Protein backbone atom coordinates (compact mmCIF):
# COMPACT_ATOMS: atom_id res chain seq x y z
CA MET A 1 36.37 96.33 28.78
CA ARG A 2 37.65 94.23 26.86
CA ASP A 3 36.74 90.49 25.88
CA THR A 4 39.41 88.45 27.20
CA ARG A 5 37.95 85.53 24.70
CA ASP A 6 39.02 87.34 21.86
CA PRO A 7 41.14 85.10 19.96
CA SER A 8 42.82 88.24 18.07
CA ARG A 9 45.55 89.11 20.91
CA MET A 10 48.51 88.05 22.26
CA VAL A 11 48.68 86.33 25.07
CA ASP A 12 49.86 88.21 28.35
CA ILE A 13 53.21 87.20 29.53
CA SER A 14 53.88 90.40 31.27
CA ASP A 15 53.97 88.56 35.10
CA LYS A 16 56.04 85.01 33.90
CA GLU A 17 59.31 84.85 35.46
CA THR A 18 62.56 84.86 33.06
CA VAL A 19 63.79 81.63 32.56
CA HIS A 20 66.21 79.55 30.32
CA ARG A 21 64.24 77.67 27.43
CA GLU A 22 65.36 75.58 24.42
CA ALA A 23 63.01 73.51 21.54
CA GLU A 24 64.24 71.29 19.30
CA ALA A 25 62.47 70.44 16.17
CA GLU A 26 63.02 68.39 13.23
CA GLY A 27 61.18 67.70 10.04
CA ARG A 28 62.11 65.11 6.74
CA ILE A 29 62.24 66.03 3.06
CA ARG A 30 62.11 62.59 1.18
CA LEU A 31 64.35 63.16 -2.08
CA LYS A 32 64.73 60.88 -4.93
CA GLU A 33 68.19 58.45 -4.48
CA GLU A 34 69.57 60.25 -7.16
CA THR A 35 69.03 64.01 -6.10
CA ILE A 36 70.79 62.79 -2.47
CA GLU A 37 74.07 61.84 -4.49
CA ALA A 38 73.68 65.13 -6.37
CA ILE A 39 73.86 67.18 -2.78
CA MET A 40 76.49 64.78 -1.90
CA GLU A 41 78.85 64.98 -4.61
CA GLY A 42 78.28 68.92 -4.74
CA ARG A 43 76.45 69.02 -8.04
CA ILE A 44 73.38 71.39 -7.25
CA GLU A 45 72.91 74.06 -9.82
CA LYS A 46 72.34 76.74 -7.08
CA GLY A 47 75.20 75.55 -4.93
CA ASP A 48 74.78 73.61 -1.28
CA PRO A 49 71.82 73.44 0.14
CA LEU A 50 72.58 72.17 3.08
CA SER A 51 74.51 75.50 3.50
CA THR A 52 72.12 77.45 2.29
CA ALA A 53 69.32 75.64 4.22
CA LYS A 54 71.34 76.19 7.40
CA ILE A 55 71.57 79.97 6.62
CA ALA A 56 67.75 79.85 5.66
CA CYS A 57 66.72 78.11 9.12
CA MET A 58 69.06 80.44 11.27
CA LEU A 59 66.93 83.33 9.30
CA ALA A 60 63.14 82.15 9.58
CA VAL A 61 63.50 81.75 13.52
CA LYS A 62 64.74 85.27 13.76
CA LYS A 63 61.36 86.48 11.43
CA THR A 64 59.02 83.90 13.44
CA PRO A 65 56.67 86.87 15.07
CA GLU A 66 56.88 88.06 11.57
CA LEU A 67 55.50 85.57 10.27
CA ILE A 68 53.46 83.77 12.66
CA PRO A 69 50.53 86.82 14.51
CA MET A 70 50.44 86.10 17.51
CA CYS A 71 53.63 84.90 18.28
CA HIS A 72 55.72 87.18 20.92
CA PRO A 73 59.07 88.48 19.62
CA VAL A 74 61.88 86.62 21.39
CA PRO A 75 65.46 87.59 22.65
CA LEU A 76 67.23 84.57 21.10
CA THR A 77 70.21 83.34 23.13
CA SER A 78 71.18 80.46 20.31
CA VAL A 79 70.27 78.93 17.17
CA ASN A 80 71.84 75.57 15.55
CA ALA A 81 70.98 73.46 12.57
CA GLU A 82 72.03 70.35 11.60
CA PHE A 83 71.17 67.74 9.52
CA GLU A 84 71.23 63.83 8.52
CA VAL A 85 71.49 62.61 5.21
CA GLY A 86 70.00 59.36 3.84
CA ASP A 87 69.75 57.27 1.10
CA VAL A 88 66.39 59.07 -0.04
CA SER A 89 65.78 61.56 2.64
CA ILE A 90 67.32 64.28 4.95
CA ILE A 91 66.17 65.53 8.40
CA ALA A 92 66.83 68.34 9.48
CA ARG A 93 67.17 69.59 13.32
CA CYS A 94 66.65 72.85 14.96
CA ARG A 95 67.48 74.02 18.34
CA VAL A 96 66.70 77.25 19.56
CA THR A 97 67.39 78.56 23.28
CA ALA A 98 66.57 82.01 24.59
CA ASP A 99 66.62 83.05 28.39
CA TYR A 100 62.71 85.10 28.33
CA LYS A 101 59.03 84.41 29.49
CA THR A 102 57.89 82.59 26.93
CA GLY A 103 59.03 78.78 24.90
CA VAL A 104 60.98 79.15 21.97
CA GLU A 105 59.02 75.95 19.71
CA MET A 106 57.36 78.18 16.86
CA GLU A 107 60.69 79.51 16.67
CA ALA A 108 62.15 76.04 15.74
CA LEU A 109 59.46 74.40 13.97
CA THR A 110 59.51 77.54 11.58
CA GLY A 111 63.13 77.65 11.30
CA VAL A 112 63.12 73.70 10.70
CA THR A 113 60.18 74.03 8.18
CA VAL A 114 62.38 76.77 6.32
CA ALA A 115 64.94 75.00 5.84
CA LEU A 116 63.25 72.17 4.85
CA LEU A 117 61.46 74.33 1.97
CA THR A 118 65.06 75.89 0.86
CA VAL A 119 66.49 71.77 0.31
CA TRP A 120 63.52 71.41 -1.81
CA ASP A 121 63.81 75.02 -3.72
CA MET A 122 67.38 74.06 -4.90
CA VAL A 123 67.16 70.36 -5.84
CA LYS A 124 63.30 70.71 -6.94
CA TYR A 125 65.03 70.48 -11.06
CA LEU A 126 66.13 66.97 -9.78
CA GLU A 127 63.10 65.72 -8.34
CA LYS A 128 59.83 66.91 -11.18
CA ASP A 129 59.16 64.21 -13.55
CA ALA A 130 58.64 64.24 -16.81
CA LYS A 131 54.89 66.71 -16.70
CA GLY A 132 56.80 68.94 -14.25
CA GLN A 133 55.08 67.32 -10.98
CA TYR A 134 56.83 66.11 -7.69
CA PRO A 135 55.55 62.39 -7.42
CA SER A 136 57.40 61.01 -5.02
CA THR A 137 58.93 64.58 -3.35
CA SER A 138 57.43 65.34 0.30
CA ILE A 139 57.87 66.69 3.29
CA THR A 140 56.98 64.99 6.40
CA ASP A 141 56.98 63.88 10.02
CA VAL A 142 58.03 67.80 11.36
CA ARG A 143 57.55 68.16 15.21
CA VAL A 144 58.86 69.16 18.48
CA THR A 145 61.57 67.08 19.36
CA GLU A 146 62.09 68.19 22.88
CA LYS A 147 60.94 71.34 24.74
CA ARG A 148 62.87 72.75 27.96
CA LYS A 149 62.48 75.08 30.29
CA ASP A 150 64.74 75.49 33.40
């Protein structure tokens, strides 16, 4: 008999009902004001960080069960990423929908986190100080802002 307290197993969702589910996550990347200006003026060497981050978000959402060991593969119906640019930060949001037996909040969190990491990667050369460190750059406030099931 298998020990049901074993933490190294996926939760059995066989008996759960398929319902419409949505989740939204958001997070913030703090950047130098000059970096934000360079993004808005299209002066980033690697290209447009926000367009690239949007694609990275969608790819990450689809890869979530490969990255998080006990996460179920979910047949997604929609993924949307959007950004709000401020003077010294960018807020990323990721909304995921599916009609399935388990929620999509881990997918939304994964998507928003990878979007923020992508922005950091594309602008890091502008964020480094003389020692090659990132004294003011940070990713914060990653959280689920909404979870619904109908």
